[in-house]
Amino acid sequence: MKMAINGMCFSMVLFLLCFTSGIGNTVQLVQGEKTWCIAKPSTDQATLLGNLNYACSQVDCSVLQRGKPCFNPDNLISHASLAMNLYYQSRGRNAWNCNFKNSAIVVLTDPSKSSF
């Protein structure tokens, strides 16, 4: 049992390292696994703004408007992450649709359950 848990932990670390190092496109996700695309925490403000603008030019980001359900938290990383995820989800949840010039990462945990 302990060996299986250690193997799972190693697999998760390897998975995260692949995505944060920019080679995530080679990692296959388990088919049917729910995934989300979010901005990497280290992404600079200009890149976040560019990602937000690009994603919203491709998908409907009206849920980010003041008074709408996804406006809060009202900060750039949250808004950019939501827009990038809308784009990622609309394009079929392929790893290459969550690259944004290596400023995004695919996660297995629902980001709406945490705050940025």
PDB file of N, CA and C in Angstrom:
ATOM      1  N   MET A   1       0.819  -1.184   0.000  1.00  0.00           N
ATOM      2  CA  MET A   1       0.000   0.000   0.000  1.00  0.00           C
ATOM      3  C   MET A   1       0.871   1.259   0.000  1.00  0.00           C
ATOM      4  N   LYS A   2       1.900   1.286   0.891  1.00  0.00           N
ATOM      5  CA  LYS A   2       2.790   2.438   0.969  1.00  0.00           C
ATOM      6  C   LYS A   2       3.517   2.652  -0.355  1.00  0.00           C
ATOM      7  N   MET A   3       3.918   1.573  -1.018  1.00  0.00           N
ATOM      8  CA  MET A   3       4.608   1.663  -2.307  1.00  0.00           C
ATOM      9  C   MET A   3       3.687   2.268  -3.365  1.00  0.00           C
ATOM     10  N   ALA A   4       2.407   1.904  -3.354  1.00  0.00           N
ATOM     11  CA  ALA A   4       1.452   2.441  -4.318  1.00  0.00           C
ATOM     12  C   ALA A   4       1.249   3.932  -4.115  1.00  0.00           C
ATOM     13  N   ILE A   5       1.164   4.378  -2.863  1.00  0.00           N
ATOM     14  CA  ILE A   5       0.997   5.798  -2.565  1.00  0.00           C
ATOM     15  C   ILE A   5       2.231   6.570  -3.008  1.00  0.00           C
ATOM     16  N   ASN A   6       3.425   6.049  -2.719  1.00  0.00           N
ATOM     17  CA  ASN A   6       4.656   6.712  -3.155  1.00  0.00           C
ATOM     18  C   ASN A   6       4.708   6.809  -4.671  1.00  0.00           C
ATOM     19  N   GLY A   7       4.277   5.771  -5.364  1.00  0.00           N
ATOM     20  CA  GLY A   7       4.253   5.789  -6.826  1.00  0.00           C
ATOM     21  C   GLY A   7       3.294   6.833  -7.353  1.00  0.00           C
ATOM     22  N   MET A   8       2.123   6.967  -6.703  1.00  0.00           N
ATOM     23  CA  MET A   8       1.152   7.978  -7.122  1.00  0.00           C
ATOM     24  C   MET A   8       1.704   9.373  -6.891  1.00  0.00           C
ATOM     25  N   CYS A   9       2.367   9.589  -5.755  1.00  0.00           N
ATOM     26  CA  CYS A   9       2.952  10.905  -5.467  1.00  0.00           C
ATOM     27  C   CYS A   9       4.025  11.251  -6.492  1.00  0.00           C
ATOM     28  N   PHE A  10       4.874  10.279  -6.800  1.00  0.00           N
ATOM     29  CA  PHE A  10       5.913  10.509  -7.800  1.00  0.00           C
ATOM     30  C   PHE A  10       5.296  10.847  -9.147  1.00  0.00           C
ATOM     31  N   SER A  11       4.236  10.132  -9.517  1.00  0.00           N
ATOM     32  CA  SER A  11       3.565  10.391 -10.789  1.00  0.00           C
ATOM     33  C   SER A  11       3.000  11.799 -10.833  1.00  0.00           C
ATOM     34  N   MET A  12       2.398  12.264  -9.727  1.00  0.00           N
ATOM     35  CA  MET A  12       1.837  13.604  -9.683  1.00  0.00           C
ATOM     36  C   MET A  12       2.937  14.645  -9.781  1.00  0.00           C
ATOM     37  N   VAL A  13       4.038  14.439  -9.083  1.00  0.00           N
ATOM     38  CA  VAL A  13       5.168  15.375  -9.158  1.00  0.00           C
ATOM     39  C   VAL A  13       5.700  15.429 -10.590  1.00  0.00           C
ATOM     40  N   LEU A  14       5.859  14.281 -11.215  1.00  0.00           N
ATOM     41  CA  LEU A  14       6.329  14.233 -12.600  1.00  0.00           C
ATOM     42  C   LEU A  14       5.361  14.963 -13.512  1.00  0.00           C
ATOM     43  N   PHE A  15       4.078  14.750 -13.326  1.00  0.00           N
ATOM     44  CA  PHE A  15       3.049  15.408 -14.116  1.00  0.00           C
ATOM     45  C   PHE A  15       3.168  16.921 -13.985  1.00  0.00           C
ATOM     46  N   LEU A  16       3.256  17.424 -12.745  1.00  0.00           N
ATOM     47  CA  LEU A  16       3.353  18.860 -12.527  1.00  0.00           C
ATOM     48  C   LEU A  16       4.644  19.436 -13.085  1.00  0.00           C
ATOM     49  N   LEU A  17       5.741  18.707 -12.931  1.00  0.00           N
ATOM     50  CA  LEU A  17       7.011  19.177 -13.480  1.00  0.00           C
ATOM     51  C   LEU A  17       6.949  19.295 -15.001  1.00  0.00           C
ATOM     52  N   CYS A  18       6.323  18.366 -15.637  1.00  0.00           N
ATOM     53  CA  CYS A  18       6.210  18.412 -17.098  1.00  0.00           C
ATOM     54  C   CYS A  18       5.471  19.655 -17.545  1.00  0.00           C
ATOM     55  N   PHE A  19       4.391  19.992 -16.863  1.00  0.00           N
ATOM     56  CA  PHE A  19       3.626  21.155 -17.279  1.00  0.00           C
ATOM     57  C   PHE A  19       4.313  22.448 -16.926  1.00  0.00           C
ATOM     58  N   THR A  20       4.973  22.517 -15.785  1.00  0.00           N
ATOM     59  CA  THR A  20       5.615  23.771 -15.423  1.00  0.00           C
ATOM     60  C   THR A  20       6.918  23.978 -16.177  1.00  0.00           C
ATOM     61  N   SER A  21       7.491  22.923 -16.737  1.00  0.00           N
ATOM     62  CA  SER A  21       8.744  23.089 -17.474  1.00  0.00           C
ATOM     63  C   SER A  21       8.520  23.310 -18.959  1.00  0.00           C
ATOM     64  N   GLY A  22       7.255  23.300 -19.390  1.00  0.00           N
ATOM     65  CA  GLY A  22       6.962  23.613 -20.785  1.00  0.00           C
ATOM     66  C   GLY A  22       6.912  22.410 -21.696  1.00  0.00           C
ATOM     67  N   ILE A  23       7.037  21.204 -21.170  1.00  0.00           N
ATOM     68  CA  ILE A  23       6.954  20.032 -22.036  1.00  0.00           C
ATOM     69  C   ILE A  23       5.650  19.275 -21.821  1.00  0.00           C
ATOM     70  N   GLY A  24       4.680  19.971 -21.246  1.00  0.00           N
ATOM     71  CA  GLY A  24       3.404  19.359 -20.918  1.00  0.00           C
ATOM     72  C   GLY A  24       2.642  18.835 -22.112  1.00  0.00           C
ATOM     73  N   ASN A  25       2.946  19.314 -23.299  1.00  0.00           N
ATOM     74  CA  ASN A  25       2.225  18.834 -24.467  1.00  0.00           C
ATOM     75  C   ASN A  25       2.475  17.365 -24.733  1.00  0.00           C
ATOM     76  N   THR A  26       3.507  16.795 -24.140  1.00  0.00           N
ATOM     77  CA  THR A  26       3.808  15.391 -24.371  1.00  0.00           C
ATOM     78  C   THR A  26       3.136  14.482 -23.352  1.00  0.00           C
ATOM     79  N   VAL A  27       2.514  15.065 -22.318  1.00  0.00           N
ATOM     80  CA  VAL A  27       1.865  14.278 -21.278  1.00  0.00           C
ATOM     81  C   VAL A  27       0.434  13.986 -21.700  1.00  0.00           C
ATOM     82  N   GLN A  28       0.036  12.730 -21.616  1.00  0.00           N
ATOM     83  CA  GLN A  28      -1.330  12.341 -21.928  1.00  0.00           C
ATOM     84  C   GLN A  28      -2.148  12.334 -20.650  1.00  0.00           C
ATOM     85  N   LEU A  29      -3.268  13.030 -20.643  1.00  0.00           N
ATOM     86  CA  LEU A  29      -4.166  12.984 -19.509  1.00  0.00           C
ATOM     87  C   LEU A  29      -5.086  11.792 -19.666  1.00  0.00           C
ATOM     88  N   VAL A  30      -5.562  11.272 -18.564  1.00  0.00           N
ATOM     89  CA  VAL A  30      -6.493  10.163 -18.599  1.00  0.00           C
ATOM     90  C   VAL A  30      -7.770  10.645 -19.275  1.00  0.00           C
ATOM     91  N   GLN A  31      -8.200   9.939 -20.303  1.00  0.00           N
ATOM     92  CA  GLN A  31      -9.393  10.352 -21.039  1.00  0.00           C
ATOM     93  C   GLN A  31     -10.587  10.392 -20.093  1.00  0.00           C
ATOM     94  N   GLY A  32     -11.341  11.454 -20.171  1.00  0.00           N
ATOM     95  CA  GLY A  32     -12.493  11.623 -19.311  1.00  0.00           C
ATOM     96  C   GLY A  32     -12.177  12.361 -18.018  1.00  0.00           C
ATOM     97  N   GLU A  33     -10.905  12.536 -17.690  1.00  0.00           N
ATOM     98  CA  GLU A  33     -10.497  13.262 -16.480  1.00  0.00           C
ATOM     99  C   GLU A  33     -10.824  14.738 -16.671  1.00  0.00           C
ATOM    100  N   LYS A  34     -11.454  15.361 -15.706  1.00  0.00           N
ATOM    101  CA  LYS A  34     -11.790  16.778 -15.789  1.00  0.00           C
ATOM    102  C   LYS A  34     -10.534  17.588 -15.519  1.00  0.00           C
ATOM    103  N   THR A  35     -10.239  18.532 -16.388  1.00  0.00           N
ATOM    104  CA  THR A  35      -9.059  19.376 -16.248  1.00  0.00           C
ATOM    105  C   THR A  35      -9.437  20.830 -16.464  1.00  0.00           C
ATOM    106  N   TRP A  36      -8.587  21.717 -15.957  1.00  0.00           N
ATOM    107  CA  TRP A  36      -8.788  23.146 -16.101  1.00  0.00           C
ATOM    108  C   TRP A  36      -7.464  23.778 -16.503  1.00  0.00           C
ATOM    109  N   CYS A  37      -7.545  24.909 -17.156  1.00  0.00           N
ATOM    110  CA  CYS A  37      -6.364  25.665 -17.565  1.00  0.00           C
ATOM    111  C   CYS A  37      -6.333  26.949 -16.746  1.00  0.00           C
ATOM    112  N   ILE A  38      -5.209  27.190 -16.079  1.00  0.00           N
ATOM    113  CA  ILE A  38      -5.063  28.415 -15.290  1.00  0.00           C
ATOM    114  C   ILE A  38      -3.711  29.058 -15.598  1.00  0.00           C
ATOM    115  N   ALA A  39      -3.602  30.321 -15.268  1.00  0.00           N
ATOM    116  CA  ALA A  39      -2.332  31.029 -15.419  1.00  0.00           C
ATOM    117  C   ALA A  39      -1.346  30.542 -14.367  1.00  0.00           C
ATOM    118  N   LYS A  40      -0.088  30.433 -14.759  1.00  0.00           N
ATOM    119  CA  LYS A  40       0.955  30.121 -13.783  1.00  0.00           C
ATOM    120  C   LYS A  40       1.078  31.303 -12.821  1.00  0.00           C
ATOM    121  N   PRO A  41       1.222  31.044 -11.540  1.00  0.00           N
ATOM    122  CA  PRO A  41       1.320  32.134 -10.554  1.00  0.00           C
ATOM    123  C   PRO A  41       2.458  33.113 -10.828  1.00  0.00           C
ATOM    124  N   SER A  42       3.500  32.678 -11.499  1.00  0.00           N
ATOM    125  CA  SER A  42       4.657  33.538 -11.768  1.00  0.00           C
ATOM    126  C   SER A  42       4.485  34.422 -13.005  1.00  0.00           C
ATOM    127  N   THR A  43       3.345  34.328 -13.669  1.00  0.00           N
ATOM    128  CA  THR A  43       3.122  35.088 -14.900  1.00  0.00           C
ATOM    129  C   THR A  43       3.032  36.582 -14.613  1.00  0.00           C
ATOM    130  N   ASP A  44       3.748  37.376 -15.415  1.00  0.00           N
ATOM    131  CA  ASP A  44       3.742  38.829 -15.212  1.00  0.00           C
ATOM    132  C   ASP A  44       2.418  39.441 -15.683  1.00  0.00           C
ATOM    133  N   GLN A  45       2.150  40.644 -15.208  1.00  0.00           N
ATOM    134  CA  GLN A  45       0.882  41.333 -15.468  1.00  0.00           C
ATOM    135  C   GLN A  45       0.626  41.569 -16.954  1.00  0.00           C
ATOM    136  N   ALA A  46       1.659  41.951 -17.703  1.00  0.00           N
ATOM    137  CA  ALA A  46       1.481  42.218 -19.130  1.00  0.00           C
ATOM    138  C   ALA A  46       1.065  40.955 -19.880  1.00  0.00           C
ATOM    139  N   THR A  47       1.669  39.830 -19.529  1.00  0.00           N
ATOM    140  CA  THR A  47       1.325  38.564 -20.166  1.00  0.00           C
ATOM    141  C   THR A  47      -0.098  38.155 -19.792  1.00  0.00           C
ATOM    142  N   LEU A  48      -0.462  38.319 -18.524  1.00  0.00           N
ATOM    143  CA  LEU A  48      -1.823  38.004 -18.091  1.00  0.00           C
ATOM    144  C   LEU A  48      -2.845  38.823 -18.872  1.00  0.00           C
ATOM    145  N   LEU A  49      -2.569  40.110 -19.025  1.00  0.00           N
ATOM    146  CA  LEU A  49      -3.480  40.985 -19.760  1.00  0.00           C
ATOM    147  C   LEU A  49      -3.577  40.557 -21.229  1.00  0.00           C
ATOM    148  N   GLY A  50      -2.445  40.216 -21.825  1.00  0.00           N
ATOM    149  CA  GLY A  50      -2.457  39.737 -23.209  1.00  0.00           C
ATOM    150  C   GLY A  50      -3.240  38.442 -23.345  1.00  0.00           C
ATOM    151  N   ASN A  51      -3.068  37.523 -22.388  1.00  0.00           N
ATOM    152  CA  ASN A  51      -3.819  36.261 -22.413  1.00  0.00           C
ATOM    153  C   ASN A  51      -5.312  36.511 -22.261  1.00  0.00           C
ATOM    154  N   LEU A  52      -5.663  37.404 -21.351  1.00  0.00           N
ATOM    155  CA  LEU A  52      -7.066  37.752 -21.132  1.00  0.00           C
ATOM    156  C   LEU A  52      -7.674  38.320 -22.410  1.00  0.00           C
ATOM    157  N   ASN A  53      -6.985  39.269 -23.015  1.00  0.00           N
ATOM    158  CA  ASN A  53      -7.497  39.890 -24.241  1.00  0.00           C
ATOM    159  C   ASN A  53      -7.611  38.880 -25.386  1.00  0.00           C
ATOM    160  N   TYR A  54      -6.601  38.021 -25.539  1.00  0.00           N
ATOM    161  CA  TYR A  54      -6.648  37.030 -26.617  1.00  0.00           C
ATOM    162  C   TYR A  54      -7.796  36.043 -26.395  1.00  0.00           C
ATOM    163  N   ALA A  55      -7.863  35.476 -25.204  1.00  0.00           N
ATOM    164  CA  ALA A  55      -8.902  34.475 -24.935  1.00  0.00           C
ATOM    165  C   ALA A  55     -10.291  35.077 -25.127  1.00  0.00           C
ATOM    166  N   CYS A  56     -10.483  36.292 -24.641  1.00  0.00           N
ATOM    167  CA  CYS A  56     -11.802  36.926 -24.757  1.00  0.00           C
ATOM    168  C   CYS A  56     -12.127  37.364 -26.183  1.00  0.00           C
ATOM    169  N   SER A  57     -11.114  37.422 -27.043  1.00  0.00           N
ATOM    170  CA  SER A  57     -11.397  37.704 -28.462  1.00  0.00           C
ATOM    171  C   SER A  57     -11.856  36.434 -29.178  1.00  0.00           C
ATOM    172  N   GLN A  58     -11.663  35.281 -28.522  1.00  0.00           N
ATOM    173  CA  GLN A  58     -12.012  33.991 -29.119  1.00  0.00           C
ATOM    174  C   GLN A  58     -13.261  33.348 -28.511  1.00  0.00           C
ATOM    175  N   VAL A  59     -13.559  33.672 -27.245  1.00  0.00           N
ATOM    176  CA  VAL A  59     -14.699  33.083 -26.536  1.00  0.00           C
ATOM    177  C   VAL A  59     -15.469  34.182 -25.807  1.00  0.00           C
ATOM    178  N   ASP A  60     -16.677  33.871 -25.393  1.00  0.00           N
ATOM    179  CA  ASP A  60     -17.520  34.820 -24.669  1.00  0.00           C
ATOM    180  C   ASP A  60     -17.071  34.917 -23.213  1.00  0.00           C
ATOM    181  N   CYS A  61     -16.561  36.060 -22.823  1.00  0.00           N
ATOM    182  CA  CYS A  61     -16.081  36.277 -21.455  1.00  0.00           C
ATOM    183  C   CYS A  61     -17.036  37.164 -20.655  1.00  0.00           C
ATOM    184  N   SER A  62     -18.285  37.219 -21.051  1.00  0.00           N
ATOM    185  CA  SER A  62     -19.241  38.106 -20.381  1.00  0.00           C
ATOM    186  C   SER A  62     -19.419  37.764 -18.904  1.00  0.00           C
ATOM    187  N   VAL A  63     -19.126  36.543 -18.492  1.00  0.00           N
ATOM    188  CA  VAL A  63     -19.251  36.162 -17.078  1.00  0.00           C
ATOM    189  C   VAL A  63     -18.250  36.896 -16.197  1.00  0.00           C
ATOM    190  N   LEU A  64     -17.267  37.567 -16.808  1.00  0.00           N
ATOM    191  CA  LEU A  64     -16.255  38.312 -16.061  1.00  0.00           C
ATOM    192  C   LEU A  64     -16.648  39.762 -15.800  1.00  0.00           C
ATOM    193  N   GLN A  65     -17.770  40.195 -16.346  1.00  0.00           N
ATOM    194  CA  GLN A  65     -18.180  41.587 -16.167  1.00  0.00           C
ATOM    195  C   GLN A  65     -18.663  41.835 -14.746  1.00  0.00           C
ATOM    196  N   ARG A  66     -18.473  43.076 -14.288  1.00  0.00           N
ATOM    197  CA  ARG A  66     -18.910  43.459 -12.941  1.00  0.00           C
ATOM    198  C   ARG A  66     -20.384  43.072 -12.764  1.00  0.00           C
ATOM    199  N   GLY A  67     -20.676  42.441 -11.633  1.00  0.00           N
ATOM    200  CA  GLY A  67     -22.043  42.011 -11.342  1.00  0.00           C
ATOM    201  C   GLY A  67     -22.369  40.611 -11.843  1.00  0.00           C
ATOM    202  N   LYS A  68     -21.506  40.037 -12.646  1.00  0.00           N
ATOM    203  CA  LYS A  68     -21.715  38.678 -13.156  1.00  0.00           C
ATOM    204  C   LYS A  68     -21.088  37.670 -12.197  1.00  0.00           C
ATOM    205  N   PRO A  69     -21.456  36.396 -12.326  1.00  0.00           N
ATOM    206  CA  PRO A  69     -21.043  35.399 -11.336  1.00  0.00           C
ATOM    207  C   PRO A  69     -19.535  35.170 -11.201  1.00  0.00           C
ATOM    208  N   CYS A  70     -18.746  35.463 -12.208  1.00  0.00           N
ATOM    209  CA  CYS A  70     -17.310  35.164 -12.148  1.00  0.00           C
ATOM    210  C   CYS A  70     -16.447  36.417 -12.021  1.00  0.00           C
ATOM    211  N   PHE A  71     -17.057  37.532 -11.677  1.00  0.00           N
ATOM    212  CA  PHE A  71     -16.284  38.772 -11.546  1.00  0.00           C
ATOM    213  C   PHE A  71     -15.327  38.715 -10.351  1.00  0.00           C
ATOM    214  N   ASN A  72     -15.786  38.146  -9.252  1.00  0.00           N
ATOM    215  CA  ASN A  72     -14.946  38.051  -8.055  1.00  0.00           C
ATOM    216  C   ASN A  72     -14.245  36.710  -7.990  1.00  0.00           C
ATOM    217  N   PRO A  73     -13.007  36.661  -7.564  1.00  0.00           N
ATOM    218  CA  PRO A  73     -12.219  37.791  -7.088  1.00  0.00           C
ATOM    219  C   PRO A  73     -11.803  38.700  -8.253  1.00  0.00           C
ATOM    220  N   ASP A  74     -11.849  39.981  -7.982  1.00  0.00           N
ATOM    221  CA  ASP A  74     -11.562  40.987  -8.998  1.00  0.00           C
ATOM    222  C   ASP A  74     -10.064  41.258  -9.046  1.00  0.00           C
ATOM    223  N   ASN A  75      -9.336  40.347  -9.704  1.00  0.00           N
ATOM    224  CA  ASN A  75      -7.905  40.569  -9.917  1.00  0.00           C
ATOM    225  C   ASN A  75      -7.516  39.953 -11.258  1.00  0.00           C
ATOM    226  N   LEU A  76      -6.414  40.420 -11.778  1.00  0.00           N
ATOM    227  CA  LEU A  76      -6.007  40.051 -13.132  1.00  0.00           C
ATOM    228  C   LEU A  76      -5.728  38.566 -13.286  1.00  0.00           C
ATOM    229  N   ILE A  77      -5.069  37.951 -12.326  1.00  0.00           N
ATOM    230  CA  ILE A  77      -4.742  36.532 -12.488  1.00  0.00           C
ATOM    231  C   ILE A  77      -6.014  35.677 -12.491  1.00  0.00           C
ATOM    232  N   SER A  78      -6.994  36.026 -11.673  1.00  0.00           N
ATOM    233  CA  SER A  78      -8.255  35.272 -11.667  1.00  0.00           C
ATOM    234  C   SER A  78      -9.011  35.453 -12.973  1.00  0.00           C
ATOM    235  N   HIS A  79      -9.106  36.681 -13.441  1.00  0.00           N
ATOM    236  CA  HIS A  79      -9.829  36.944 -14.693  1.00  0.00           C
ATOM    237  C   HIS A  79      -9.119  36.299 -15.883  1.00  0.00           C
ATOM    238  N   ALA A  80      -7.793  36.418 -15.932  1.00  0.00           N
ATOM    239  CA  ALA A  80      -7.044  35.797 -17.032  1.00  0.00           C
ATOM    240  C   ALA A  80      -7.197  34.281 -16.982  1.00  0.00           C
ATOM    241  N   SER A  81      -7.101  33.692 -15.801  1.00  0.00           N
ATOM    242  CA  SER A  81      -7.242  32.240 -15.671  1.00  0.00           C
ATOM    243  C   SER A  81      -8.611  31.775 -16.131  1.00  0.00           C
ATOM    244  N   LEU A  82      -9.645  32.510 -15.748  1.00  0.00           N
ATOM    245  CA  LEU A  82     -10.984  32.113 -16.168  1.00  0.00           C
ATOM    246  C   LEU A  82     -11.127  32.211 -17.682  1.00  0.00           C
ATOM    247  N   ALA A  83     -10.632  33.286 -18.268  1.00  0.00           N
ATOM    248  CA  ALA A  83     -10.712  33.447 -19.723  1.00  0.00           C
ATOM    249  C   ALA A  83      -9.903  32.363 -20.436  1.00  0.00           C
ATOM    250  N   MET A  84      -8.717  32.075 -19.928  1.00  0.00           N
ATOM    251  CA  MET A  84      -7.879  31.035 -20.534  1.00  0.00           C
ATOM    252  C   MET A  84      -8.559  29.675 -20.418  1.00  0.00           C
ATOM    253  N   ASN A  85      -9.223  29.433 -19.299  1.00  0.00           N
ATOM    254  CA  ASN A  85      -9.925  28.169 -19.126  1.00  0.00           C
ATOM    255  C   ASN A  85     -11.131  28.071 -20.056  1.00  0.00           C
ATOM    256  N   LEU A  86     -11.852  29.168 -20.236  1.00  0.00           N
ATOM    257  CA  LEU A  86     -12.969  29.167 -21.187  1.00  0.00           C
ATOM    258  C   LEU A  86     -12.468  28.803 -22.590  1.00  0.00           C
ATOM    259  N   TYR A  87     -11.349  29.387 -22.967  1.00  0.00           N
ATOM    260  CA  TYR A  87     -10.743  29.085 -24.266  1.00  0.00           C
ATOM    261  C   TYR A  87     -10.354  27.602 -24.339  1.00  0.00           C
ATOM    262  N   TYR A  88      -9.661  27.127 -23.327  1.00  0.00           N
ATOM    263  CA  TYR A  88      -9.196  25.733 -23.253  1.00  0.00           C
ATOM    264  C   TYR A  88     -10.370  24.760 -23.333  1.00  0.00           C
ATOM    265  N   GLN A  89     -11.413  25.023 -22.558  1.00  0.00           N
ATOM    266  CA  GLN A  89     -12.584  24.140 -22.560  1.00  0.00           C
ATOM    267  C   GLN A  89     -13.274  24.149 -23.929  1.00  0.00           C
ATOM    268  N   SER A  90     -13.368  25.324 -24.544  1.00  0.00           N
ATOM    269  CA  SER A  90     -14.069  25.431 -25.829  1.00  0.00           C
ATOM    270  C   SER A  90     -13.305  24.786 -26.978  1.00  0.00           C
ATOM    271  N   ARG A  91     -12.008  24.579 -26.796  1.00  0.00           N
ATOM    272  CA  ARG A  91     -11.180  24.002 -27.853  1.00  0.00           C
ATOM    273  C   ARG A  91     -10.926  22.506 -27.649  1.00  0.00           C
ATOM    274  N   GLY A  92     -11.601  21.891 -26.690  1.00  0.00           N
ATOM    275  CA  GLY A  92     -11.501  20.453 -26.533  1.00  0.00           C
ATOM    276  C   GLY A  92     -10.566  19.967 -25.448  1.00  0.00           C
ATOM    277  N   ARG A  93     -10.110  20.869 -24.591  1.00  0.00           N
ATOM    278  CA  ARG A  93      -9.221  20.517 -23.470  1.00  0.00           C
ATOM    279  C   ARG A  93      -7.962  19.790 -23.916  1.00  0.00           C
ATOM    280  N   ASN A  94      -7.359  20.265 -24.964  1.00  0.00           N
ATOM    281  CA  ASN A  94      -6.066  19.738 -25.417  1.00  0.00           C
ATOM    282  C   ASN A  94      -4.953  20.525 -24.732  1.00  0.00           C
ATOM    283  N   ALA A  95      -3.880  19.856 -24.375  1.00  0.00           N
ATOM    284  CA  ALA A  95      -2.769  20.522 -23.682  1.00  0.00           C
ATOM    285  C   ALA A  95      -2.267  21.733 -24.468  1.00  0.00           C
ATOM    286  N   TRP A  96      -2.244  21.628 -25.786  1.00  0.00           N
ATOM    287  CA  TRP A  96      -1.719  22.747 -26.586  1.00  0.00           C
ATOM    288  C   TRP A  96      -2.654  23.952 -26.569  1.00  0.00           C
ATOM    289  N   ASN A  97      -3.902  23.771 -26.139  1.00  0.00           N
ATOM    290  CA  ASN A  97      -4.818  24.898 -26.005  1.00  0.00           C
ATOM    291  C   ASN A  97      -4.684  25.582 -24.645  1.00  0.00           C
ATOM    292  N   CYS A  98      -3.756  25.103 -23.850  1.00  0.00           N
ATOM    293  CA  CYS A  98      -3.470  25.706 -22.544  1.00  0.00           C
ATOM    294  C   CYS A  98      -1.979  25.994 -22.449  1.00  0.00           C
ATOM    295  N   ASN A  99      -1.437  26.589 -23.469  1.00  0.00           N
ATOM    296  CA  ASN A  99      -0.024  26.925 -23.428  1.00  0.00           C
ATOM    297  C   ASN A  99       0.159  28.409 -23.181  1.00  0.00           C
ATOM    298  N   PHE A 100      -0.483  29.217 -23.981  1.00  0.00           N
ATOM    299  CA  PHE A 100      -0.397  30.669 -23.851  1.00  0.00           C
ATOM    300  C   PHE A 100       1.055  31.120 -23.658  1.00  0.00           C
ATOM    301  N   LYS A 101       1.887  30.681 -24.602  1.00  0.00           N
ATOM    302  CA  LYS A 101       3.319  30.999 -24.589  1.00  0.00           C
ATOM    303  C   LYS A 101       3.970  30.588 -23.267  1.00  0.00           C
ATOM    304  N   ASN A 102       3.607  29.399 -22.818  1.00  0.00           N
ATOM    305  CA  ASN A 102       4.170  28.791 -21.608  1.00  0.00           C
ATOM    306  C   ASN A 102       3.836  29.565 -20.329  1.00  0.00           C
ATOM    307  N   SER A 103       2.697  30.264 -20.324  1.00  0.00           N
ATOM    308  CA  SER A 103       2.302  31.011 -19.125  1.00  0.00           C
ATOM    309  C   SER A 103       1.083  30.390 -18.439  1.00  0.00           C
ATOM    310  N   ALA A 104       0.711  29.180 -18.847  1.00  0.00           N
ATOM    311  CA  ALA A 104      -0.455  28.509 -18.274  1.00  0.00           C
ATOM    312  C   ALA A 104      -0.118  27.076 -17.912  1.00  0.00           C
ATOM    313  N   ILE A 105      -0.985  26.484 -17.134  1.00  0.00           N
ATOM    314  CA  ILE A 105      -0.791  25.105 -16.697  1.00  0.00           C
ATOM    315  C   ILE A 105      -2.151  24.417 -16.619  1.00  0.00           C
ATOM    316  N   VAL A 106      -2.181  23.139 -16.959  1.00  0.00           N
ATOM    317  CA  VAL A 106      -3.381  22.324 -16.809  1.00  0.00           C
ATOM    318  C   VAL A 106      -3.361  21.736 -15.408  1.00  0.00           C
ATOM    319  N   VAL A 107      -4.487  21.853 -14.710  1.00  0.00           N
ATOM    320  CA  VAL A 107      -4.602  21.313 -13.359  1.00  0.00           C
ATOM    321  C   VAL A 107      -5.758  20.331 -13.273  1.00  0.00           C
ATOM    322  N   LEU A 108      -5.674  19.436 -12.303  1.00  0.00           N
ATOM    323  CA  LEU A 108      -6.708  18.427 -12.083  1.00  0.00           C
ATOM    324  C   LEU A 108      -7.669  18.813 -10.965  1.00  0.00           C
ATOM    325  N   THR A 109      -7.357  19.885 -10.245  1.00  0.00           N
ATOM    326  CA  THR A 109      -8.198  20.345  -9.144  1.00  0.00           C
ATOM    327  C   THR A 109      -8.982  21.563  -9.602  1.00  0.00           C
ATOM    328  N   ASP A 110     -10.265  21.564  -9.338  1.00  0.00           N
ATOM    329  CA  ASP A 110     -11.147  22.661  -9.740  1.00  0.00           C
ATOM    330  C   ASP A 110     -10.669  23.981  -9.119  1.00  0.00           C
ATOM    331  N   PRO A 111     -10.206  24.933  -9.947  1.00  0.00           N
ATOM    332  CA  PRO A 111      -9.681  26.187  -9.402  1.00  0.00           C
ATOM    333  C   PRO A 111     -10.763  27.062  -8.766  1.00  0.00           C
ATOM    334  N   SER A 112     -12.024  26.804  -9.039  1.00  0.00           N
ATOM    335  CA  SER A 112     -13.081  27.607  -8.427  1.00  0.00           C
ATOM    336  C   SER A 112     -13.231  27.284  -6.937  1.00  0.00           C
ATOM    337  N   LYS A 113     -12.604  26.209  -6.507  1.00  0.00           N
ATOM    338  CA  LYS A 113     -12.651  25.820  -5.093  1.00  0.00           C
ATOM    339  C   LYS A 113     -11.561  26.498  -4.285  1.00  0.00           C
ATOM    340  N   SER A 114     -10.699  27.280  -4.960  1.00  0.00           N
ATOM    341  CA  SER A 114      -9.652  28.021  -4.259  1.00  0.00           C
ATOM    342  C   SER A 114      -9.607  29.426  -4.827  1.00  0.00           C
ATOM    343  N   SER A 115      -8.836  30.285  -4.218  1.00  0.00           N
ATOM    344  CA  SER A 115      -8.707  31.652  -4.712  1.00  0.00           C
ATOM    345  C   SER A 115      -7.263  31.930  -5.074  1.00  0.00           C
ATOM    346  N   PHE A 116      -7.069  32.882  -5.942  1.00  0.00           N
ATOM    347  CA  PHE A 116      -5.728  33.260  -6.376  1.00  0.00           C
ATOM    348  C   PHE A 116      -5.224  34.397  -5.522  1.00  0.00           C
TER     349      PHE A 116
END
